[in-house]
């Protein structure tokens, strides 16, 4: 039997925003570069960063920061850099 709640009558649209509707790759790459600089590694090329894009952040950043605490800090730095501007879009 079908439910008569409001939720069952509302249409739903699911979409992949990141990389599909909005080209976020430049911002994501800038986020990695910013994070690596903030963590003291200096300049790292886009090619090196791009090798593991799509992997979980701590897994990707873990190649530079194998220590769990450092990795967590690098993820926080990256998310703050990337997600604050995305919230303004």
N, C-alpha and C. Protein backbone atom coordinates (compact mmCIF):
# COMPACT_ATOMS: atom_id res chain seq x y z
N UNK A 1 0.85 -1.18 0.00
CA UNK A 1 0.00 0.00 0.00
C UNK A 1 0.89 1.24 0.00
N UNK A 2 0.51 2.23 -0.72
CA UNK A 2 1.27 3.46 -0.87
C UNK A 2 1.04 4.40 0.30
N UNK A 3 2.12 4.99 0.79
CA UNK A 3 2.04 5.93 1.90
C UNK A 3 1.51 7.28 1.41
N UNK A 4 0.73 7.96 2.24
CA UNK A 4 0.18 9.26 1.87
C UNK A 4 0.94 10.42 2.50
N UNK A 5 2.16 10.21 2.90
CA UNK A 5 2.94 11.30 3.49
C UNK A 5 3.38 12.27 2.41
N UNK A 6 3.74 13.46 2.82
CA UNK A 6 4.23 14.47 1.88
C UNK A 6 5.47 13.95 1.16
N UNK A 7 6.34 13.27 1.89
CA UNK A 7 7.57 12.78 1.28
C UNK A 7 7.29 11.86 0.11
N UNK A 8 6.27 11.07 0.16
CA UNK A 8 6.00 10.13 -0.92
C UNK A 8 5.45 10.83 -2.16
N UNK A 9 5.00 12.06 -2.04
CA UNK A 9 4.44 12.78 -3.18
C UNK A 9 5.41 13.79 -3.79
N UNK A 10 6.54 14.01 -3.17
CA UNK A 10 7.49 14.97 -3.70
C UNK A 10 8.41 14.30 -4.71
N UNK A 11 8.63 14.94 -5.84
CA UNK A 11 9.58 14.37 -6.80
C UNK A 11 11.00 14.53 -6.27
N UNK A 12 11.85 13.64 -6.68
CA UNK A 12 13.23 13.66 -6.23
C UNK A 12 14.13 13.73 -7.45
N UNK A 13 15.14 14.57 -7.35
CA UNK A 13 16.13 14.68 -8.40
C UNK A 13 17.50 14.48 -7.77
N UNK A 14 18.20 13.47 -8.23
CA UNK A 14 19.55 13.21 -7.76
C UNK A 14 20.52 13.56 -8.87
N UNK A 15 21.59 14.22 -8.51
CA UNK A 15 22.59 14.55 -9.53
C UNK A 15 23.97 14.55 -8.90
N UNK A 16 24.96 14.38 -9.73
CA UNK A 16 26.36 14.43 -9.31
C UNK A 16 26.85 15.84 -9.57
N UNK A 17 26.91 16.65 -8.52
CA UNK A 17 27.29 18.05 -8.65
C UNK A 17 28.77 18.20 -8.98
N UNK A 18 29.62 17.58 -8.19
CA UNK A 18 31.06 17.75 -8.29
C UNK A 18 31.59 17.06 -9.55
N UNK A 19 32.06 17.87 -10.48
CA UNK A 19 32.65 17.34 -11.70
C UNK A 19 31.66 17.09 -12.81
N UNK A 20 30.38 17.13 -12.52
CA UNK A 20 29.37 16.92 -13.55
C UNK A 20 28.68 18.24 -13.87
N UNK A 21 28.07 18.84 -12.88
CA UNK A 21 27.39 20.12 -13.09
C UNK A 21 28.32 21.31 -12.86
N UNK A 22 29.32 21.12 -12.03
CA UNK A 22 30.28 22.19 -11.73
C UNK A 22 31.69 21.62 -11.93
N UNK A 23 32.51 22.36 -12.68
CA UNK A 23 33.90 21.93 -12.89
C UNK A 23 34.72 22.31 -11.66
N UNK A 24 34.83 21.39 -10.72
CA UNK A 24 35.53 21.66 -9.47
C UNK A 24 36.99 21.22 -9.48
N UNK A 25 37.44 20.59 -10.57
CA UNK A 25 38.81 20.09 -10.62
C UNK A 25 39.84 21.18 -10.33
N UNK A 26 39.75 22.36 -10.93
CA UNK A 26 40.75 23.39 -10.61
C UNK A 26 40.77 23.73 -9.11
N UNK A 27 39.61 23.83 -8.49
CA UNK A 27 39.55 24.14 -7.06
C UNK A 27 40.13 23.01 -6.23
N UNK A 28 39.85 21.78 -6.60
CA UNK A 28 40.37 20.63 -5.87
C UNK A 28 41.90 20.58 -5.97
N UNK A 29 42.44 20.81 -7.17
CA UNK A 29 43.89 20.83 -7.35
C UNK A 29 44.52 21.96 -6.54
N UNK A 30 43.90 23.13 -6.56
CA UNK A 30 44.39 24.26 -5.76
C UNK A 30 44.36 23.90 -4.28
N UNK A 31 43.31 23.18 -3.87
CA UNK A 31 43.20 22.75 -2.48
C UNK A 31 44.35 21.84 -2.07
N UNK A 32 44.70 20.90 -2.95
CA UNK A 32 45.84 20.03 -2.65
C UNK A 32 47.13 20.84 -2.57
N UNK A 33 47.34 21.73 -3.53
CA UNK A 33 48.56 22.54 -3.53
C UNK A 33 48.64 23.40 -2.26
N UNK A 34 47.51 24.01 -1.89
CA UNK A 34 47.46 24.82 -0.68
C UNK A 34 47.78 23.95 0.55
N UNK A 35 47.18 22.79 0.62
CA UNK A 35 47.38 21.89 1.75
C UNK A 35 48.83 21.47 1.87
N UNK A 36 49.42 21.06 0.77
CA UNK A 36 50.81 20.60 0.81
C UNK A 36 51.75 21.74 1.21
N UNK A 37 51.47 22.95 0.74
CA UNK A 37 52.27 24.12 1.15
C UNK A 37 52.11 24.39 2.64
N UNK A 38 50.85 24.38 3.10
CA UNK A 38 50.57 24.64 4.52
C UNK A 38 51.23 23.61 5.43
N UNK A 39 51.35 22.40 4.93
CA UNK A 39 51.95 21.31 5.71
C UNK A 39 53.47 21.28 5.55
N UNK A 40 54.03 22.25 4.80
CA UNK A 40 55.48 22.38 4.71
C UNK A 40 56.15 21.66 3.58
N UNK A 41 55.41 21.17 2.60
CA UNK A 41 56.03 20.43 1.50
C UNK A 41 56.38 21.30 0.30
N UNK A 42 55.90 22.51 0.25
CA UNK A 42 56.21 23.37 -0.89
C UNK A 42 55.40 23.01 -2.12
N UNK A 43 55.98 23.27 -3.27
CA UNK A 43 55.30 23.07 -4.55
C UNK A 43 55.29 21.59 -4.95
N UNK A 44 54.13 21.11 -5.35
CA UNK A 44 53.99 19.77 -5.92
C UNK A 44 53.21 19.94 -7.21
N UNK A 45 53.63 19.28 -8.27
CA UNK A 45 53.01 19.48 -9.58
C UNK A 45 51.58 18.93 -9.63
N UNK A 46 50.78 19.51 -10.52
CA UNK A 46 49.41 19.02 -10.73
C UNK A 46 49.42 17.57 -11.20
N UNK A 47 50.42 17.19 -11.98
CA UNK A 47 50.51 15.83 -12.49
C UNK A 47 50.65 14.83 -11.34
N UNK A 48 51.51 15.15 -10.37
CA UNK A 48 51.71 14.26 -9.23
C UNK A 48 50.44 14.18 -8.40
N UNK A 49 49.81 15.33 -8.17
CA UNK A 49 48.57 15.35 -7.40
C UNK A 49 47.47 14.58 -8.12
N UNK A 50 47.38 14.75 -9.42
CA UNK A 50 46.31 14.13 -10.21
C UNK A 50 46.37 12.61 -10.26
N UNK A 51 47.53 12.05 -9.97
CA UNK A 51 47.69 10.59 -10.06
C UNK A 51 46.70 9.82 -9.20
N UNK A 52 46.29 10.38 -8.09
CA UNK A 52 45.44 9.63 -7.15
C UNK A 52 44.10 10.33 -6.89
N UNK A 53 43.72 11.27 -7.74
CA UNK A 53 42.43 11.93 -7.53
C UNK A 53 41.32 10.89 -7.60
N UNK A 54 40.35 11.05 -6.74
CA UNK A 54 39.25 10.10 -6.66
C UNK A 54 39.39 9.16 -5.48
N UNK A 55 40.61 9.03 -4.97
CA UNK A 55 40.83 8.21 -3.77
C UNK A 55 40.33 8.99 -2.56
N UNK A 56 40.01 8.31 -1.47
CA UNK A 56 39.65 9.04 -0.25
C UNK A 56 40.77 10.01 0.13
N UNK A 57 40.37 11.16 0.67
CA UNK A 57 41.34 12.21 0.98
C UNK A 57 42.50 11.73 1.83
N UNK A 58 42.22 11.05 2.92
CA UNK A 58 43.32 10.64 3.80
C UNK A 58 44.20 9.60 3.11
N UNK A 59 43.62 8.80 2.25
CA UNK A 59 44.42 7.86 1.49
C UNK A 59 45.34 8.57 0.51
N UNK A 60 44.80 9.59 -0.16
CA UNK A 60 45.59 10.36 -1.11
C UNK A 60 46.64 11.19 -0.39
N UNK A 61 46.21 11.94 0.62
CA UNK A 61 47.16 12.79 1.35
C UNK A 61 48.11 11.94 2.21
N UNK A 62 47.70 10.72 2.52
CA UNK A 62 48.54 9.83 3.32
C UNK A 62 49.84 9.46 2.65
N UNK A 63 49.92 9.59 1.34
CA UNK A 63 51.20 9.31 0.67
C UNK A 63 52.26 10.33 1.09
N UNK A 64 51.84 11.53 1.45
CA UNK A 64 52.76 12.56 1.94
C UNK A 64 52.80 12.61 3.47
N UNK A 65 51.69 12.23 4.09
CA UNK A 65 51.57 12.32 5.55
C UNK A 65 51.09 10.99 6.13
N UNK A 66 52.00 10.03 6.26
CA UNK A 66 51.59 8.70 6.75
C UNK A 66 51.18 8.70 8.22
N UNK A 67 51.66 9.69 8.99
CA UNK A 67 51.25 9.79 10.39
C UNK A 67 49.77 10.15 10.45
N UNK A 68 48.99 9.41 11.23
CA UNK A 68 47.54 9.60 11.27
C UNK A 68 47.13 11.03 11.65
N UNK A 69 47.79 11.60 12.64
CA UNK A 69 47.45 12.96 13.09
C UNK A 69 47.76 13.99 12.00
N UNK A 70 48.90 13.83 11.35
CA UNK A 70 49.26 14.74 10.26
C UNK A 70 48.28 14.60 9.10
N UNK A 71 47.89 13.38 8.81
CA UNK A 71 46.94 13.14 7.72
C UNK A 71 45.60 13.80 8.05
N UNK A 72 45.13 13.63 9.26
CA UNK A 72 43.86 14.25 9.67
C UNK A 72 43.95 15.77 9.56
N UNK A 73 45.08 16.33 9.97
CA UNK A 73 45.27 17.78 9.86
C UNK A 73 45.26 18.22 8.39
N UNK A 74 45.93 17.47 7.53
CA UNK A 74 45.97 17.83 6.12
C UNK A 74 44.57 17.75 5.50
N UNK A 75 43.78 16.78 5.89
CA UNK A 75 42.40 16.66 5.39
C UNK A 75 41.58 17.87 5.83
N UNK A 76 41.74 18.30 7.09
CA UNK A 76 41.02 19.49 7.57
C UNK A 76 41.39 20.73 6.77
N UNK A 77 42.69 20.90 6.54
CA UNK A 77 43.16 22.06 5.77
C UNK A 77 42.56 22.03 4.36
N UNK A 78 42.60 20.86 3.74
CA UNK A 78 42.07 20.74 2.37
C UNK A 78 40.58 21.03 2.34
N UNK A 79 39.83 20.43 3.24
CA UNK A 79 38.37 20.63 3.25
C UNK A 79 38.01 22.08 3.50
N UNK A 80 38.70 22.73 4.42
CA UNK A 80 38.41 24.15 4.68
C UNK A 80 38.68 24.99 3.44
N UNK A 81 39.74 24.69 2.74
CA UNK A 81 40.10 25.45 1.54
C UNK A 81 39.10 25.22 0.41
N UNK A 82 38.70 23.97 0.22
CA UNK A 82 37.84 23.61 -0.92
C UNK A 82 36.37 23.87 -0.63
N UNK A 83 35.88 23.46 0.52
CA UNK A 83 34.44 23.50 0.75
C UNK A 83 33.90 24.87 1.08
N UNK A 84 34.68 25.74 1.68
CA UNK A 84 34.18 27.09 1.96
C UNK A 84 33.83 27.81 0.66
N UNK A 85 34.72 27.84 -0.35
CA UNK A 85 34.34 28.47 -1.62
C UNK A 85 33.18 27.76 -2.32
N UNK A 86 33.12 26.44 -2.23
CA UNK A 86 32.03 25.70 -2.89
C UNK A 86 30.68 26.07 -2.27
N UNK A 87 30.66 26.38 -0.99
CA UNK A 87 29.41 26.76 -0.32
C UNK A 87 28.91 28.11 -0.84
N UNK A 88 29.81 28.90 -1.40
CA UNK A 88 29.43 30.22 -1.91
C UNK A 88 28.89 30.14 -3.34
N UNK A 89 29.08 29.01 -4.02
CA UNK A 89 28.65 28.86 -5.43
C UNK A 89 27.13 28.87 -5.52
